[in-house]
Amino acid sequence: MSAAITPPITANIALIVLDVQKAIDDPKWASKNNPGYVDKIVDLLAAFRAASLPVIHIRHDEPNPASTYHTDGPGNAIKPEVAPLPGEPVIAKNVNCAFIATDLEKYLHDHGITRLIFTGVVIHNSMDASIRVAHCLGFDVILPLDATTAIDVTDAKGIRHDAKTVFDLFAAVLGSEYCTLSTTDDVIAALPA
């Protein structure tokens, strides 16, 4: 399901860590198909930092007080395992797409970044919306599948779709047009030594 990353990763790339906040540990998000996704993001963070490559954190500031991601709620904080280091930008968004009403696109252009490694949650919401827009804006996007996850989804007819089915479907759609599907190990192997 993954492809080799070509050409090798160079300085025009950034790691995006999307919506990895304490909110995602709320029981309503417990049906994750890939509960180890945070460990993979930690590995990617370590590798990008060691290679002195840019890391960008996206924090979801949800205006709805009922949301686990509410701006003033306890779930809004970025999970400590993936916390930004000094100098790593944190860009706040309040809709599912990281490019809407934020300065993410400007930041990327200003820093000559053309390739993006997207990690975070969840593949069928903010990841999907942000990856599609990134592609449409002309960025080359790579999605390490083990560094994201899905949860169960209930549709308008009340039918529950398990997280693995949701994950596999969204990965297939994204990989068909919007990004290169990969793995954390393959991304790290392609980084400069």
N, C-alpha and C. Protein backbone atom coordinates (compact mmCIF):
# COMPACT_ATOMS: atom_id res chain seq x y z
N MET A 1 0.81 -1.20 0.00
CA MET A 1 0.00 0.00 0.00
C MET A 1 0.85 1.26 0.00
N SER A 2 2.15 1.12 0.19
CA SER A 2 3.01 2.30 0.17
C SER A 2 3.92 2.25 -1.05
N ALA A 3 4.42 3.43 -1.40
CA ALA A 3 5.31 3.54 -2.56
C ALA A 3 6.63 4.13 -2.11
N ALA A 4 7.68 3.85 -2.88
CA ALA A 4 8.98 4.44 -2.58
C ALA A 4 8.87 5.95 -2.70
N ILE A 5 9.59 6.65 -1.86
CA ILE A 5 9.57 8.11 -1.89
C ILE A 5 10.67 8.58 -2.82
N THR A 6 10.26 9.22 -3.92
CA THR A 6 11.22 9.75 -4.88
C THR A 6 10.83 11.17 -5.25
N PRO A 7 11.74 12.05 -5.54
CA PRO A 7 13.16 11.88 -5.28
C PRO A 7 13.43 11.89 -3.78
N PRO A 8 14.67 11.63 -3.35
CA PRO A 8 14.95 11.62 -1.91
C PRO A 8 14.52 12.93 -1.26
N ILE A 9 14.14 12.82 0.00
CA ILE A 9 13.66 13.99 0.74
C ILE A 9 14.81 14.98 0.92
N THR A 10 14.53 16.24 0.63
CA THR A 10 15.53 17.30 0.77
C THR A 10 14.96 18.41 1.65
N ALA A 11 15.66 19.51 1.68
CA ALA A 11 15.31 20.60 2.60
C ALA A 11 14.01 21.33 2.24
N ASN A 12 13.37 20.98 1.14
CA ASN A 12 12.13 21.67 0.79
C ASN A 12 10.91 20.98 1.39
N ILE A 13 11.10 20.16 2.40
CA ILE A 13 10.01 19.38 2.98
C ILE A 13 9.76 19.79 4.43
N ALA A 14 8.53 19.59 4.88
CA ALA A 14 8.18 19.83 6.29
C ALA A 14 7.31 18.70 6.80
N LEU A 15 7.45 18.43 8.08
CA LEU A 15 6.58 17.49 8.77
C LEU A 15 5.43 18.28 9.37
N ILE A 16 4.20 17.86 9.07
CA ILE A 16 3.01 18.49 9.64
C ILE A 16 2.43 17.55 10.70
N VAL A 17 2.24 18.06 11.91
CA VAL A 17 1.61 17.29 12.99
C VAL A 17 0.26 17.95 13.25
N LEU A 18 -0.80 17.26 12.85
CA LEU A 18 -2.14 17.84 12.77
C LEU A 18 -3.07 17.35 13.87
N ASP A 19 -3.51 18.26 14.72
CA ASP A 19 -4.58 18.01 15.70
C ASP A 19 -4.26 16.92 16.73
N VAL A 20 -2.98 16.70 17.01
CA VAL A 20 -2.62 15.67 18.00
C VAL A 20 -2.65 16.33 19.38
N GLN A 21 -3.87 16.44 19.88
CA GLN A 21 -4.16 17.14 21.14
C GLN A 21 -4.76 16.19 22.15
N LYS A 22 -4.79 16.60 23.40
CA LYS A 22 -5.31 15.74 24.46
C LYS A 22 -6.75 15.31 24.19
N ALA A 23 -7.48 16.10 23.39
CA ALA A 23 -8.87 15.79 23.06
C ALA A 23 -9.02 14.39 22.47
N ILE A 24 -8.02 13.94 21.73
CA ILE A 24 -8.12 12.67 21.02
C ILE A 24 -8.08 11.48 21.98
N ASP A 25 -7.76 11.72 23.25
CA ASP A 25 -7.77 10.65 24.25
C ASP A 25 -9.12 10.51 24.95
N ASP A 26 -10.07 11.38 24.61
CA ASP A 26 -11.41 11.27 25.18
C ASP A 26 -12.03 9.93 24.75
N PRO A 27 -12.84 9.31 25.62
CA PRO A 27 -13.45 8.02 25.27
C PRO A 27 -14.24 8.02 23.95
N LYS A 28 -14.76 9.16 23.54
CA LYS A 28 -15.52 9.17 22.28
C LYS A 28 -14.63 8.86 21.07
N TRP A 29 -13.31 8.98 21.24
CA TRP A 29 -12.36 8.70 20.16
C TRP A 29 -11.70 7.34 20.33
N ALA A 30 -12.23 6.50 21.21
CA ALA A 30 -11.53 5.27 21.63
C ALA A 30 -11.48 4.16 20.58
N SER A 31 -12.25 4.25 19.51
CA SER A 31 -12.32 3.14 18.55
C SER A 31 -11.23 3.18 17.49
N LYS A 32 -10.12 3.81 17.77
CA LYS A 32 -9.05 3.97 16.78
C LYS A 32 -8.58 2.62 16.21
N ASN A 33 -8.41 2.59 14.90
CA ASN A 33 -7.88 1.38 14.25
C ASN A 33 -6.37 1.25 14.44
N ASN A 34 -5.71 2.36 14.70
CA ASN A 34 -4.26 2.37 14.80
C ASN A 34 -3.85 3.14 16.06
N PRO A 35 -4.02 2.53 17.22
CA PRO A 35 -3.72 3.25 18.46
C PRO A 35 -2.25 3.60 18.64
N GLY A 36 -1.35 3.01 17.85
CA GLY A 36 0.07 3.31 17.97
C GLY A 36 0.55 4.46 17.09
N TYR A 37 -0.39 5.21 16.50
CA TYR A 37 -0.01 6.27 15.56
C TYR A 37 0.87 7.34 16.22
N VAL A 38 0.65 7.65 17.50
CA VAL A 38 1.43 8.70 18.16
C VAL A 38 2.89 8.29 18.27
N ASP A 39 3.15 7.03 18.53
CA ASP A 39 4.54 6.55 18.61
C ASP A 39 5.27 6.78 17.28
N LYS A 40 4.56 6.59 16.18
CA LYS A 40 5.17 6.81 14.85
C LYS A 40 5.43 8.30 14.63
N ILE A 41 4.53 9.15 15.09
CA ILE A 41 4.76 10.60 14.96
C ILE A 41 5.97 11.00 15.80
N VAL A 42 6.10 10.43 16.97
CA VAL A 42 7.27 10.71 17.83
C VAL A 42 8.56 10.32 17.08
N ASP A 43 8.55 9.17 16.40
CA ASP A 43 9.71 8.74 15.63
C ASP A 43 10.02 9.73 14.51
N LEU A 44 8.98 10.19 13.81
CA LEU A 44 9.18 11.15 12.73
C LEU A 44 9.70 12.48 13.26
N LEU A 45 9.15 12.92 14.38
CA LEU A 45 9.63 14.17 14.98
C LEU A 45 11.12 14.07 15.30
N ALA A 46 11.52 12.97 15.90
CA ALA A 46 12.93 12.80 16.25
C ALA A 46 13.81 12.82 15.01
N ALA A 47 13.37 12.17 13.95
CA ALA A 47 14.16 12.11 12.73
C ALA A 47 14.23 13.46 12.03
N PHE A 48 13.12 14.17 11.96
CA PHE A 48 13.12 15.50 11.32
C PHE A 48 13.97 16.48 12.12
N ARG A 49 13.86 16.42 13.43
CA ARG A 49 14.66 17.32 14.26
C ARG A 49 16.14 17.00 14.13
N ALA A 50 16.49 15.72 14.09
CA ALA A 50 17.90 15.34 13.95
C ALA A 50 18.47 15.80 12.61
N ALA A 51 17.61 15.83 11.58
CA ALA A 51 18.05 16.26 10.25
C ALA A 51 17.90 17.77 10.05
N SER A 52 17.49 18.48 11.09
CA SER A 52 17.26 19.93 11.04
C SER A 52 16.27 20.32 9.94
N LEU A 53 15.23 19.50 9.79
CA LEU A 53 14.16 19.78 8.83
C LEU A 53 12.97 20.38 9.56
N PRO A 54 12.19 21.20 8.88
CA PRO A 54 11.10 21.91 9.56
C PRO A 54 9.96 21.01 10.02
N VAL A 55 9.43 21.37 11.18
CA VAL A 55 8.26 20.73 11.78
C VAL A 55 7.22 21.82 12.03
N ILE A 56 6.00 21.55 11.62
CA ILE A 56 4.90 22.51 11.82
C ILE A 56 3.78 21.81 12.57
N HIS A 57 3.33 22.41 13.64
CA HIS A 57 2.24 21.86 14.44
C HIS A 57 0.95 22.61 14.12
N ILE A 58 -0.12 21.87 13.92
CA ILE A 58 -1.43 22.46 13.69
C ILE A 58 -2.30 22.11 14.90
N ARG A 59 -2.85 23.15 15.54
CA ARG A 59 -3.71 22.94 16.72
C ARG A 59 -5.14 23.35 16.35
N HIS A 60 -6.07 22.44 16.63
CA HIS A 60 -7.48 22.74 16.35
C HIS A 60 -8.09 23.47 17.54
N ASP A 61 -8.50 24.71 17.31
CA ASP A 61 -9.19 25.52 18.33
C ASP A 61 -10.67 25.54 17.98
N GLU A 62 -11.41 24.62 18.53
CA GLU A 62 -12.83 24.44 18.20
C GLU A 62 -13.70 25.43 18.98
N PRO A 63 -14.49 26.25 18.26
CA PRO A 63 -15.35 27.21 18.95
C PRO A 63 -16.54 26.57 19.67
N ASN A 64 -16.94 25.36 19.27
CA ASN A 64 -18.10 24.70 19.88
C ASN A 64 -17.73 24.17 21.27
N PRO A 65 -18.38 24.68 22.33
CA PRO A 65 -18.01 24.24 23.68
C PRO A 65 -18.28 22.77 23.95
N ALA A 66 -19.12 22.12 23.14
CA ALA A 66 -19.41 20.70 23.33
C ALA A 66 -18.29 19.80 22.80
N SER A 67 -17.37 20.36 22.04
CA SER A 67 -16.31 19.57 21.43
C SER A 67 -15.19 19.28 22.43
N THR A 68 -14.58 18.10 22.29
CA THR A 68 -13.42 17.78 23.12
C THR A 68 -12.23 18.67 22.75
N TYR A 69 -12.28 19.29 21.58
CA TYR A 69 -11.22 20.18 21.11
C TYR A 69 -11.51 21.65 21.42
N HIS A 70 -12.53 21.93 22.24
CA HIS A 70 -12.91 23.33 22.49
C HIS A 70 -11.69 24.15 22.94
N THR A 71 -11.62 25.36 22.41
CA THR A 71 -10.47 26.24 22.64
C THR A 71 -10.14 26.41 24.11
N ASP A 72 -11.15 26.52 24.95
CA ASP A 72 -10.91 26.73 26.38
C ASP A 72 -11.02 25.45 27.21
N GLY A 73 -11.12 24.31 26.54
CA GLY A 73 -11.29 23.05 27.26
C GLY A 73 -9.96 22.36 27.55
N PRO A 74 -9.97 21.37 28.44
CA PRO A 74 -8.74 20.66 28.81
C PRO A 74 -8.15 19.84 27.66
N GLY A 75 -8.97 19.49 26.68
CA GLY A 75 -8.48 18.70 25.56
C GLY A 75 -7.78 19.49 24.49
N ASN A 76 -7.75 20.81 24.61
CA ASN A 76 -7.17 21.65 23.55
C ASN A 76 -5.64 21.57 23.49
N ALA A 77 -5.00 21.26 24.59
CA ALA A 77 -3.53 21.25 24.62
C ALA A 77 -2.96 20.16 23.72
N ILE A 78 -1.83 20.47 23.10
CA ILE A 78 -1.12 19.48 22.30
C ILE A 78 -0.59 18.40 23.23
N LYS A 79 -0.70 17.13 22.77
CA LYS A 79 -0.23 16.02 23.59
C LYS A 79 1.27 16.20 23.89
N PRO A 80 1.68 15.96 25.13
CA PRO A 80 3.07 16.21 25.50
C PRO A 80 4.09 15.41 24.69
N GLU A 81 3.71 14.21 24.23
CA GLU A 81 4.65 13.40 23.46
C GLU A 81 5.09 14.07 22.16
N VAL A 82 4.23 14.92 21.63
CA VAL A 82 4.52 15.58 20.34
C VAL A 82 4.60 17.09 20.49
N ALA A 83 4.83 17.55 21.70
CA ALA A 83 4.84 19.00 21.97
C ALA A 83 5.89 19.71 21.12
N PRO A 84 5.57 20.92 20.67
CA PRO A 84 6.53 21.69 19.88
C PRO A 84 7.76 22.07 20.68
N LEU A 85 8.89 22.09 20.01
CA LEU A 85 10.10 22.64 20.59
C LEU A 85 10.17 24.13 20.28
N PRO A 86 10.95 24.89 21.03
CA PRO A 86 11.10 26.31 20.71
C PRO A 86 11.50 26.50 19.25
N GLY A 87 10.83 27.43 18.60
CA GLY A 87 11.10 27.72 17.19
C GLY A 87 10.23 26.96 16.22
N GLU A 88 9.56 25.90 16.68
CA GLU A 88 8.64 25.18 15.79
C GLU A 88 7.28 25.87 15.81
N PRO A 89 6.81 26.30 14.64
CA PRO A 89 5.55 27.06 14.62
C PRO A 89 4.35 26.21 15.00
N VAL A 90 3.39 26.86 15.67
CA VAL A 90 2.10 26.26 15.98
C VAL A 90 1.05 27.14 15.30
N ILE A 91 0.32 26.56 14.38
CA ILE A 91 -0.69 27.29 13.63
C ILE A 91 -2.06 26.81 14.09
N ALA A 92 -2.88 27.75 14.54
CA ALA A 92 -4.21 27.41 15.02
C ALA A 92 -5.22 27.47 13.88
N LYS A 93 -6.12 26.50 13.88
CA LYS A 93 -7.22 26.48 12.92
C LYS A 93 -8.52 26.27 13.68
N ASN A 94 -9.65 26.63 13.07
CA ASN A 94 -10.92 26.38 13.74
C ASN A 94 -11.95 25.70 12.85
N VAL A 95 -11.48 25.16 11.72
CA VAL A 95 -12.28 24.28 10.87
C VAL A 95 -11.42 23.05 10.55
N ASN A 96 -11.99 22.10 9.82
CA ASN A 96 -11.24 20.86 9.62
C ASN A 96 -9.99 21.01 8.75
N CYS A 97 -9.96 21.98 7.84
CA CYS A 97 -8.82 22.13 6.93
C CYS A 97 -7.78 23.10 7.50
N ALA A 98 -6.53 22.67 7.50
CA ALA A 98 -5.44 23.48 8.06
C ALA A 98 -5.11 24.70 7.22
N PHE A 99 -5.64 24.78 6.00
CA PHE A 99 -5.32 25.91 5.13
C PHE A 99 -6.37 27.02 5.15
N ILE A 100 -7.53 26.76 5.73
CA ILE A 100 -8.62 27.72 5.71
C ILE A 100 -8.47 28.69 6.88
N ALA A 101 -8.42 30.00 6.55
CA ALA A 101 -8.32 31.08 7.56
C ALA A 101 -7.10 30.93 8.47
N THR A 102 -6.00 30.38 7.90
CA THR A 102 -4.73 30.30 8.63
C THR A 102 -3.64 30.85 7.72
N ASP A 103 -2.43 30.99 8.27
CA ASP A 103 -1.32 31.44 7.44
C ASP A 103 -0.40 30.28 7.04
N LEU A 104 -0.94 29.05 7.06
CA LEU A 104 -0.13 27.89 6.72
C LEU A 104 0.43 27.97 5.30
N GLU A 105 -0.41 28.25 4.32
CA GLU A 105 0.07 28.32 2.94
C GLU A 105 1.16 29.38 2.80
N LYS A 106 0.94 30.55 3.37
CA LYS A 106 1.94 31.63 3.28
C LYS A 106 3.24 31.19 3.94
N TYR A 107 3.14 30.57 5.11
CA TYR A 107 4.35 30.10 5.81
C TYR A 107 5.14 29.14 4.92
N LEU A 108 4.44 28.19 4.31
CA LEU A 108 5.11 27.20 3.47
C LEU A 108 5.80 27.87 2.28
N HIS A 109 5.09 28.78 1.61
CA HIS A 109 5.68 29.47 0.46
C HIS A 109 6.87 30.34 0.90
N ASP A 110 6.70 31.06 2.01
CA ASP A 110 7.77 31.94 2.50
C ASP A 110 9.04 31.17 2.84
N HIS A 111 8.90 29.89 3.20
CA HIS A 111 10.05 29.08 3.59
C HIS A 111 10.47 28.09 2.49
N GLY A 112 9.91 28.23 1.30
CA GLY A 112 10.31 27.39 0.17
C GLY A 112 9.95 25.93 0.32
N ILE A 113 8.91 25.65 1.10
CA ILE A 113 8.51 24.26 1.35
C ILE A 113 7.50 23.83 0.29
N THR A 114 7.81 22.74 -0.40
CA THR A 114 6.94 22.26 -1.47
C THR A 114 6.44 20.83 -1.24
N ARG A 115 7.07 20.12 -0.30
CA ARG A 115 6.65 18.74 0.01
C ARG A 115 6.25 18.66 1.48
N LEU A 116 5.17 17.96 1.73
CA LEU A 116 4.62 17.87 3.08
C LEU A 116 4.44 16.42 3.49
N ILE A 117 4.90 16.09 4.68
CA ILE A 117 4.60 14.80 5.31
C ILE A 117 3.48 15.08 6.31
N PHE A 118 2.29 14.55 6.05
CA PHE A 118 1.16 14.79 6.94
C PHE A 118 1.02 13.65 7.94
N THR A 119 0.92 14.01 9.22
CA THR A 119 0.64 13.06 10.29
C THR A 119 -0.46 13.65 11.17
N GLY A 120 -1.12 12.79 11.94
CA GLY A 120 -2.10 13.32 12.88
C GLY A 120 -3.44 12.63 12.78
N VAL A 121 -4.47 13.36 13.19
CA VAL A 121 -5.81 12.78 13.29
C VAL A 121 -6.86 13.68 12.66
N VAL A 122 -7.95 13.05 12.34
CA VAL A 122 -8.12 11.66 11.93
C VAL A 122 -8.16 11.63 10.41
N ILE A 123 -7.85 10.48 9.82
CA ILE A 123 -7.70 10.41 8.37
C ILE A 123 -8.97 10.82 7.63
N HIS A 124 -10.13 10.61 8.23
CA HIS A 124 -11.39 10.88 7.53
C HIS A 124 -11.96 12.26 7.85
N ASN A 125 -11.22 13.10 8.52
CA ASN A 125 -11.71 14.45 8.81
C ASN A 125 -10.63 15.47 8.47
N SER A 126 -9.94 16.00 9.46
CA SER A 126 -8.96 17.06 9.20
C SER A 126 -7.82 16.62 8.31
N MET A 127 -7.37 15.38 8.44
CA MET A 127 -6.30 14.90 7.57
C MET A 127 -6.78 14.90 6.12
N ASP A 128 -7.94 14.34 5.88
CA ASP A 128 -8.50 14.28 4.52
C ASP A 128 -8.66 15.68 3.93
N ALA A 129 -9.31 16.57 4.67
CA ALA A 129 -9.56 17.92 4.16
C ALA A 129 -8.26 18.65 3.88
N SER A 130 -7.30 18.55 4.77
CA SER A 130 -6.04 19.28 4.62
C SER A 130 -5.18 18.70 3.49
N ILE A 131 -5.14 17.39 3.37
CA ILE A 131 -4.34 16.77 2.31
C ILE A 131 -4.92 17.10 0.93
N ARG A 132 -6.24 17.05 0.80
CA ARG A 132 -6.85 17.38 -0.50
C ARG A 132 -6.53 18.83 -0.90
N VAL A 133 -6.66 19.75 0.04
CA VAL A 133 -6.38 21.15 -0.28
C VAL A 133 -4.90 21.35 -0.57
N ALA A 134 -4.03 20.72 0.21
CA ALA A 134 -2.59 20.83 -0.05
C ALA A 134 -2.28 20.38 -1.48
N HIS A 135 -2.84 19.28 -1.89
CA HIS A 135 -2.64 18.78 -3.26
C HIS A 135 -3.13 19.80 -4.28
N CYS A 136 -4.34 20.32 -4.05
CA CYS A 136 -4.91 21.29 -4.99
C CYS A 136 -4.11 22.59 -5.05
N LEU A 137 -3.40 22.92 -3.98
CA LEU A 137 -2.55 24.11 -3.95
C LEU A 137 -1.18 23.85 -4.58
N GLY A 138 -0.93 22.62 -4.99
CA GLY A 138 0.32 22.32 -5.68
C GLY A 138 1.41 21.71 -4.83
N PHE A 139 1.12 21.37 -3.59
CA PHE A 139 2.13 20.73 -2.74
C PHE A 139 2.19 19.24 -3.03
N ASP A 140 3.38 18.68 -2.91
CA ASP A 140 3.59 17.23 -3.03
C ASP A 140 3.40 16.67 -1.62
N VAL A 141 2.42 15.80 -1.46
CA VAL A 141 2.05 15.32 -0.12
C VAL A 141 2.37 13.84 0.02
N ILE A 142 2.96 13.50 1.16
CA ILE A 142 3.24 12.12 1.53
C ILE A 142 2.51 11.82 2.83
N LEU A 143 1.82 10.70 2.87
CA LEU A 143 1.07 10.29 4.05
C LEU A 143 1.59 8.95 4.56
N PRO A 144 2.37 8.97 5.66
CA PRO A 144 2.74 7.70 6.29
C PRO A 144 1.52 7.14 7.03
N LEU A 145 0.99 6.05 6.53
CA LEU A 145 -0.29 5.54 7.04
C LEU A 145 -0.22 5.11 8.50
N ASP A 146 0.94 4.72 8.97
CA ASP A 146 1.04 4.29 10.37
C ASP A 146 1.13 5.47 11.33
N ALA A 147 1.16 6.71 10.80
CA ALA A 147 1.23 7.92 11.63
C ALA A 147 -0.09 8.68 11.61
N THR A 148 -1.17 7.96 11.34
CA THR A 148 -2.51 8.51 11.42
C THR A 148 -3.46 7.40 11.82
N THR A 149 -4.73 7.73 12.00
CA THR A 149 -5.70 6.74 12.45
C THR A 149 -7.10 7.19 12.05
N ALA A 150 -8.06 6.30 12.28
CA ALA A 150 -9.49 6.60 12.08
C ALA A 150 -10.24 6.10 13.31
N ILE A 151 -11.49 6.50 13.40
CA ILE A 151 -12.38 5.94 14.42
C ILE A 151 -13.64 5.45 13.72
N ASP A 152 -14.45 4.70 14.44
CA ASP A 152 -15.74 4.25 13.89
C ASP A 152 -16.57 5.46 13.48
N VAL A 153 -17.33 5.30 12.40
CA VAL A 153 -18.20 6.37 11.92
C VAL A 153 -19.60 5.81 11.72
N THR A 154 -20.60 6.53 12.24
CA THR A 154 -22.00 6.17 12.03
C THR A 154 -22.58 7.11 10.98
N ASP A 155 -23.16 6.53 9.93
CA ASP A 155 -23.67 7.36 8.84
C ASP A 155 -25.09 7.85 9.12
N ALA A 156 -25.63 8.60 8.19
CA ALA A 156 -26.95 9.22 8.37
C ALA A 156 -28.07 8.20 8.50
N LYS A 157 -27.83 6.97 8.04
CA LYS A 157 -28.84 5.91 8.17
C LYS A 157 -28.68 5.13 9.46
N GLY A 158 -27.72 5.53 10.29
CA GLY A 158 -27.49 4.84 11.55
C GLY A 158 -26.60 3.62 11.44
N ILE A 159 -26.00 3.41 10.28
CA ILE A 159 -25.12 2.27 10.07
C ILE A 159 -23.71 2.64 10.56
N ARG A 160 -23.17 1.78 11.42
CA ARG A 160 -21.84 2.02 11.98
C ARG A 160 -20.78 1.35 11.11
N HIS A 161 -19.78 2.12 10.70
CA HIS A 161 -18.67 1.60 9.90
C HIS A 161 -17.44 1.56 10.80
N ASP A 162 -16.84 0.38 10.92
CA ASP A 162 -15.72 0.24 11.85
C ASP A 162 -14.52 1.04 11.37
N ALA A 163 -13.65 1.38 12.32
CA ALA A 163 -12.52 2.27 12.05
C ALA A 163 -11.59 1.74 10.96
N LYS A 164 -11.36 0.43 10.92
CA LYS A 164 -10.47 -0.12 9.89
C LYS A 164 -11.05 0.08 8.50
N THR A 165 -12.36 -0.13 8.35
CA THR A 165 -13.00 0.08 7.05
C THR A 165 -12.92 1.55 6.64
N VAL A 166 -13.20 2.45 7.59
CA VAL A 166 -13.11 3.89 7.33
C VAL A 166 -11.69 4.25 6.91
N PHE A 167 -10.72 3.76 7.66
CA PHE A 167 -9.31 4.05 7.39
C PHE A 167 -8.91 3.57 5.99
N ASP A 168 -9.23 2.32 5.69
CA ASP A 168 -8.84 1.75 4.41
C ASP A 168 -9.47 2.49 3.24
N LEU A 169 -10.73 2.88 3.37
CA LEU A 169 -11.42 3.60 2.30
C LEU A 169 -10.78 4.97 2.07
N PHE A 170 -10.56 5.73 3.15
CA PHE A 170 -9.98 7.07 2.99
C PHE A 170 -8.55 6.98 2.48
N ALA A 171 -7.79 6.00 2.95
CA ALA A 171 -6.42 5.83 2.45
C ALA A 171 -6.44 5.54 0.95
N ALA A 172 -7.36 4.69 0.52
CA ALA A 172 -7.45 4.35 -0.91
C ALA A 172 -7.80 5.58 -1.75
N VAL A 173 -8.74 6.37 -1.28
CA VAL A 173 -9.14 7.57 -2.03
C VAL A 173 -8.00 8.58 -2.06
N LEU A 174 -7.41 8.87 -0.90
CA LEU A 174 -6.32 9.84 -0.86
C LEU A 174 -5.14 9.38 -1.72
N GLY A 175 -4.81 8.11 -1.63
CA GLY A 175 -3.68 7.59 -2.39
C GLY A 175 -3.92 7.51 -3.88
N SER A 176 -5.18 7.52 -4.28
CA SER A 176 -5.49 7.43 -5.71
C SER A 176 -5.22 8.73 -6.45
N GLU A 177 -5.17 9.85 -5.73
CA GLU A 177 -5.05 11.14 -6.42
C GLU A 177 -4.32 12.22 -5.64
N TYR A 178 -4.42 12.22 -4.32
CA TYR A 178 -4.03 13.39 -3.54
C TYR A 178 -2.68 13.31 -2.84
N CYS A 179 -2.14 12.12 -2.68
CA CYS A 179 -0.88 11.99 -1.95
C CYS A 179 -0.23 10.66 -2.27
N THR A 180 1.02 10.54 -1.85
CA THR A 180 1.75 9.27 -1.90
C THR A 180 1.60 8.60 -0.54
N LEU A 181 1.12 7.37 -0.53
CA LEU A 181 1.01 6.62 0.72
C LEU A 181 2.35 5.99 1.03
N SER A 182 2.73 6.04 2.30
CA SER A 182 4.04 5.53 2.69
C SER A 182 3.96 5.01 4.11
N THR A 183 5.12 4.82 4.71
CA THR A 183 5.22 4.40 6.11
C THR A 183 6.23 5.29 6.81
N THR A 184 6.18 5.30 8.11
CA THR A 184 7.15 6.07 8.89
C THR A 184 8.57 5.62 8.58
N ASP A 185 8.81 4.32 8.54
CA ASP A 185 10.16 3.82 8.27
C ASP A 185 10.67 4.27 6.91
N ASP A 186 9.80 4.26 5.90
CA ASP A 186 10.22 4.66 4.56
C ASP A 186 10.54 6.16 4.52
N VAL A 187 9.75 6.96 5.22
CA VAL A 187 10.03 8.39 5.27
C VAL A 187 11.37 8.64 5.95
N ILE A 188 11.58 8.02 7.09
CA ILE A 188 12.83 8.22 7.83
C ILE A 188 14.02 7.76 6.99
N ALA A 189 13.87 6.64 6.28
CA ALA A 189 14.97 6.12 5.45
C ALA A 189 15.32 7.08 4.31
N ALA A 190 14.36 7.92 3.89
CA ALA A 190 14.60 8.84 2.78
C ALA A 190 15.17 10.19 3.23
N LEU A 191 15.27 10.39 4.54
CA LEU A 191 15.81 11.67 5.04
C LEU A 191 17.32 11.72 4.83
N PRO A 192 17.85 12.96 4.71
CA PRO A 192 19.31 13.05 4.56
C PRO A 192 20.03 12.52 5.81
N ALA A 193 21.14 11.88 5.57
CA ALA A 193 21.91 11.29 6.69
C ALA A 193 22.60 12.36 7.50
